[in-house]
Amino acid sequence: MHTKKHVISGVKPDSIAMELELEPGDELISINGKEIEDVFDYQFLTEDEYLLVVVRKSNGEEWELEIEKDYDEDLGIEFENGLMDDYKSCSNKCMFCFIDQMPPGMRETLYFKDDDSRLSFLQGNYVTLTNMKDKDIERIIYYNLGSINVSVHTTNPKLRCTMLHNRFAGEALKKIKRLSDAGIEMNGQVVLCKGVNDGEELERTIRDLTEYIPNMQSLSIVPVGLTRYREGLYPLEPFEKEDARKVLEQIHRWQDYCMEHFGTHFVHGGDEWYLLAEQPLPPEENYDGYIQLENGVGMITLLRDEFREALAAEKKDASLKRNVTLVTGKLAGPILEELVG
């Protein structure tokens, strides 16, 4: 029985879909006799050179279309939902959740908490794995998807249940091993909370995750973000300068170990630690290709390098004067002053 509707929202010009007279409003039923669950099914099935596509036209007619194309050639079909399925919402109540700390009155979509592994592959989102079922793991392995970004936070099962306020959060750690055993590449993240998962707990987490190198490609350690909208939430404290220096000392010690034993720095501190500790940021080569850039790891080093390269390529014109206003946060302020000063 056909249960999911995949309604075509657009057809790309000069595409196979346009040649076959597919139109917005038509519904994709199946490809090669298989129903489509989501975008991964669609991408996998449409890679073939020979396709039998069943489409229900907007007038109710069903068309069977035999398609011969180049391998991996796009059909040119667009859908309203890029995932081709409903987004999976978060089942946790994390003590550090940033969305819970957002001010009221903002647009509704900003308050949606996703925890969907498919968005990890498509957009780089971090997922906790707590709502991932066996069939989800099996599909990732079957399609050999990667890399997946995992919000680990701690490898202590009991502590993870507490931090995520989810009694199944500890069991999710077994999924990391299962994915690694199948050769799926991952990146990990720890949102560090003062007095909760730092110190010896962080030591345990890093040590445990090194067992999954090279499939666990990297681990970022970032400080918890706190806003003033924390009424009724877990009483977390901000990190101070000395705290940041201790965290960096721990990270650097593990980087030395990982370089010696695995040839990679593996564990990386978010830029905020260096700014808070008032310590120089690492050079480009320490970031292993900026593998955790979107998580705020190495952004300032990359900005500095690109800024200086761009200036060096420009001819100086002393007569050109321009008043420019730059807006940034308190921690990053001195960095921009250094660059434009």
Foldseek 3Di string as FASTA:
>chain_A
DQDAWFFFQDFDPPFQCVVVVDDGRKTWADKPPDGDDWPLSVQVRVQDQWIFTWIQHNVGDIDTDIGGHHGSGDRRTDTPDNGSHDFAFDPFDALQDVLLQDDPDDDPVSNTHGQHQVCCQVPVDEHLQQPPDPVNLVVCLVSVGDDTEYELQFQPLVLQCVRRVHNSSNVSVVSVVVCLVSLHAYEYEHADFPPRCDDVRVVRRVVVCVVSPPSHPAYEYEYRDHDPRQPPGDDTDGDALVSLVVRVVVLVVQLVVCCVPPVASRYFYAPLSCLRNVHDADAPVNCVNVPPVVVRTCVLNVVVVVLVVVVVVDDDDPVDDDDDDDDDDPSCVVSVVVSPD
